[in-house]
Protein backbone atom coordinates (compact mmCIF):
# COMPACT_ATOMS: atom_id res chain seq x y z
CA UNK A 1 -14.17 -13.37 43.68
CA UNK A 2 -10.71 -14.31 44.99
CA UNK A 3 -8.90 -12.65 42.09
CA UNK A 4 -10.21 -9.15 42.70
CA UNK A 5 -7.34 -6.79 43.38
CA UNK A 6 -4.72 -9.08 41.86
CA UNK A 7 -1.66 -7.37 40.44
CA UNK A 8 -1.31 -7.04 36.69
CA UNK A 9 2.33 -8.05 36.30
CA UNK A 10 4.24 -8.13 33.05
CA UNK A 11 8.03 -8.11 32.90
CA UNK A 12 10.73 -8.93 30.41
CA UNK A 13 12.52 -12.07 31.57
CA UNK A 14 14.82 -12.36 28.57
CA UNK A 15 17.71 -14.65 29.45
CA UNK A 16 15.93 -16.42 32.30
CA UNK A 17 15.36 -20.17 32.33
CA UNK A 18 12.15 -21.33 34.01
CA UNK A 19 10.83 -24.77 34.90
CA UNK A 20 7.12 -25.47 35.10
CA UNK A 21 6.43 -28.41 37.40
CA UNK A 22 2.85 -29.56 36.85
CA UNK A 23 0.82 -32.23 38.60
CA UNK A 24 -1.17 -34.72 36.57
CA UNK A 25 -4.42 -35.02 38.56
CA UNK A 26 -7.51 -33.22 37.17
CA UNK A 27 -6.40 -33.20 33.55
CA UNK A 28 -8.82 -30.54 32.27
CA UNK A 29 -8.01 -28.00 34.99
CA UNK A 30 -4.30 -28.76 34.72
CA UNK A 31 -4.45 -28.20 30.97
CA UNK A 32 -5.77 -24.70 31.54
CA UNK A 33 -3.21 -23.91 34.25
CA UNK A 34 -0.35 -25.20 32.14
CA UNK A 35 -1.48 -23.30 29.04
CA UNK A 36 -1.73 -20.08 31.06
CA UNK A 37 1.72 -20.51 32.57
CA UNK A 38 3.30 -21.31 29.20
CA UNK A 39 1.60 -18.32 27.58
CA UNK A 40 2.91 -15.98 30.30
CA UNK A 41 6.43 -17.39 29.92
CA UNK A 42 6.31 -16.84 26.18
CA UNK A 43 5.12 -13.26 26.66
CA UNK A 44 7.96 -12.68 29.14
CA UNK A 45 10.54 -14.11 26.70
CA UNK A 46 11.82 -16.84 29.03
CA UNK A 47 13.04 -20.31 28.15
CA UNK A 48 10.76 -22.99 29.58
CA UNK A 49 10.98 -26.67 30.43
CA UNK A 50 7.81 -28.50 31.50
CA UNK A 51 8.14 -31.37 33.95
CA UNK A 52 5.15 -33.48 34.98
CA UNK A 53 4.72 -35.15 38.37
CA UNK A 54 1.96 -37.47 39.59
CA UNK A 55 0.23 -35.06 42.00
CA UNK A 56 0.57 -31.93 44.13
CA UNK A 57 2.27 -33.83 46.96
CA UNK A 58 5.21 -34.51 44.62
CA UNK A 59 5.69 -30.86 43.61
CA UNK A 60 8.16 -29.84 46.37
CA UNK A 61 10.79 -32.53 45.79
CA UNK A 62 10.90 -31.92 42.04
CA UNK A 63 10.78 -28.14 42.58
CA UNK A 64 13.84 -28.48 44.81
CA UNK A 65 15.79 -30.27 42.08
CA UNK A 66 14.68 -27.66 39.53
CA UNK A 67 15.52 -24.74 41.83
CA UNK A 68 19.16 -25.78 41.62
CA UNK A 69 19.13 -25.54 37.80
CA UNK A 70 16.63 -22.82 36.85
CA UNK A 71 16.14 -19.13 37.61
CA UNK A 72 12.54 -19.72 38.71
CA UNK A 73 10.14 -22.63 39.15
CA UNK A 74 6.40 -22.44 38.53
CA UNK A 75 4.46 -25.13 40.39
CA UNK A 76 0.96 -26.05 39.26
CA UNK A 77 -1.48 -28.41 40.92
CA UNK A 78 -5.09 -28.97 41.85
CA UNK A 79 -6.32 -30.26 45.21
CA UNK A 80 -10.08 -30.64 45.54
CA UNK A 81 -11.64 -31.13 48.96
CA UNK A 82 -13.13 -34.54 49.61
CA UNK A 83 -14.75 -36.23 52.55
CA UNK A 84 -11.53 -37.07 54.42
CA UNK A 85 -8.65 -35.07 55.94
CA UNK A 86 -6.52 -35.97 52.89
CA UNK A 87 -7.20 -32.50 51.42
CA UNK A 88 -5.65 -30.75 54.41
CA UNK A 89 -2.61 -33.03 54.49
CA UNK A 90 -1.79 -32.66 50.81
CA UNK A 91 -2.52 -28.90 50.75
CA UNK A 92 -0.32 -28.31 53.78
CA UNK A 93 2.50 -30.53 52.50
CA UNK A 94 2.54 -28.82 49.09
CA UNK A 95 2.38 -25.30 50.54
CA UNK A 96 4.94 -25.86 53.28
CA UNK A 97 7.25 -27.80 50.97
CA UNK A 98 7.22 -25.18 48.22
CA UNK A 99 7.77 -22.38 50.74
CA UNK A 100 10.76 -24.27 52.12
CA UNK A 101 12.20 -24.76 48.63
CA UNK A 102 11.96 -21.03 47.91
CA UNK A 103 13.54 -19.98 51.19
CA UNK A 104 16.22 -22.69 51.27
CA UNK A 105 17.39 -22.11 47.69
CA UNK A 106 16.62 -18.43 47.11
CA UNK A 107 14.89 -19.42 43.88
CA UNK A 108 11.48 -17.91 43.17
CA UNK A 109 8.64 -20.43 43.24
CA UNK A 110 5.41 -19.51 41.47
CA UNK A 111 2.59 -20.99 43.55
CA UNK A 112 -0.13 -22.15 41.19
CA UNK A 113 -1.63 -24.85 43.37
CA UNK A 114 -5.41 -24.56 43.47
CA UNK A 115 -7.03 -25.65 46.73
CA UNK A 116 -10.74 -25.75 46.00
CA UNK A 117 -13.92 -27.06 47.56
CA UNK A 118 -15.16 -28.52 44.28
CA UNK A 119 -14.33 -28.95 40.61
CA UNK A 120 -16.41 -25.89 39.59
CA UNK A 121 -14.17 -23.62 41.68
CA UNK A 122 -11.07 -25.19 40.11
CA UNK A 123 -12.42 -24.75 36.59
CA UNK A 124 -13.24 -21.09 37.33
CA UNK A 125 -9.59 -20.45 38.26
CA UNK A 126 -8.01 -22.58 35.52
CA UNK A 127 -7.75 -20.00 32.73
CA UNK A 128 -9.94 -22.05 30.42
CA UNK A 129 -12.49 -20.25 28.22
CA UNK A 130 -15.23 -18.92 30.51
CA UNK A 131 -13.00 -18.95 33.62
CA UNK A 132 -12.91 -15.82 35.75
CA UNK A 133 -9.23 -16.26 36.64
CA UNK A 134 -6.01 -17.64 35.16
CA UNK A 135 -3.98 -18.85 38.13
CA UNK A 136 -1.39 -20.58 35.92
CA UNK A 137 -0.52 -17.27 34.26
CA UNK A 138 -0.57 -15.45 37.61
CA UNK A 139 1.87 -17.97 39.14
CA UNK A 140 4.17 -17.62 36.13
CA UNK A 141 4.18 -13.83 36.21
CA UNK A 142 4.89 -13.82 39.96
CA UNK A 143 7.85 -16.20 39.62
CA UNK A 144 9.31 -14.39 36.61
CA UNK A 145 8.89 -10.94 38.17
CA UNK A 146 10.57 -12.14 41.36
CA UNK A 147 13.45 -13.67 39.37
CA UNK A 148 13.91 -10.38 37.50
CA UNK A 149 13.87 -8.47 40.81
CA UNK A 150 16.53 -10.78 42.26
CA UNK A 151 18.63 -10.56 39.09
CA UNK A 152 18.48 -6.76 39.12
CA UNK A 153 19.26 -6.26 42.83
CA UNK A 154 22.47 -4.29 43.34
CA UNK A 155 25.41 -6.53 44.24
CA UNK A 156 27.64 -5.59 47.14
């Protein structure tokens, strides 16, 4: 199981503003990811704005705009392998783009983009009832915890 050994992170993000940028493909899986991320944000006491984009390829450009306005950005998407190289192109573009946004802006980006071989793997990571993992919540906790760490760093 890919989630074994994952950190159990819970922090108080009171005062932080977070954007959740969520793709629209694979509605059922995305519903689970989005619910998990929103639940984690509520538990961390952060203000949240949800922004929807067409697919995972569009996540980086909207994340960049959000990184200029929010303390952290949680990006959620689902890319399921098919019979063409499209999977690799979109996965690479989303990953590289979101990494660039984080490094270029200094804003934490929660990476909740599932890259799965099939729909069953995606459902198992979606946080829906019966799932073994909740990657939406994990991405939210990572982004919020990083934002709190950055906020609390000593200033010189």
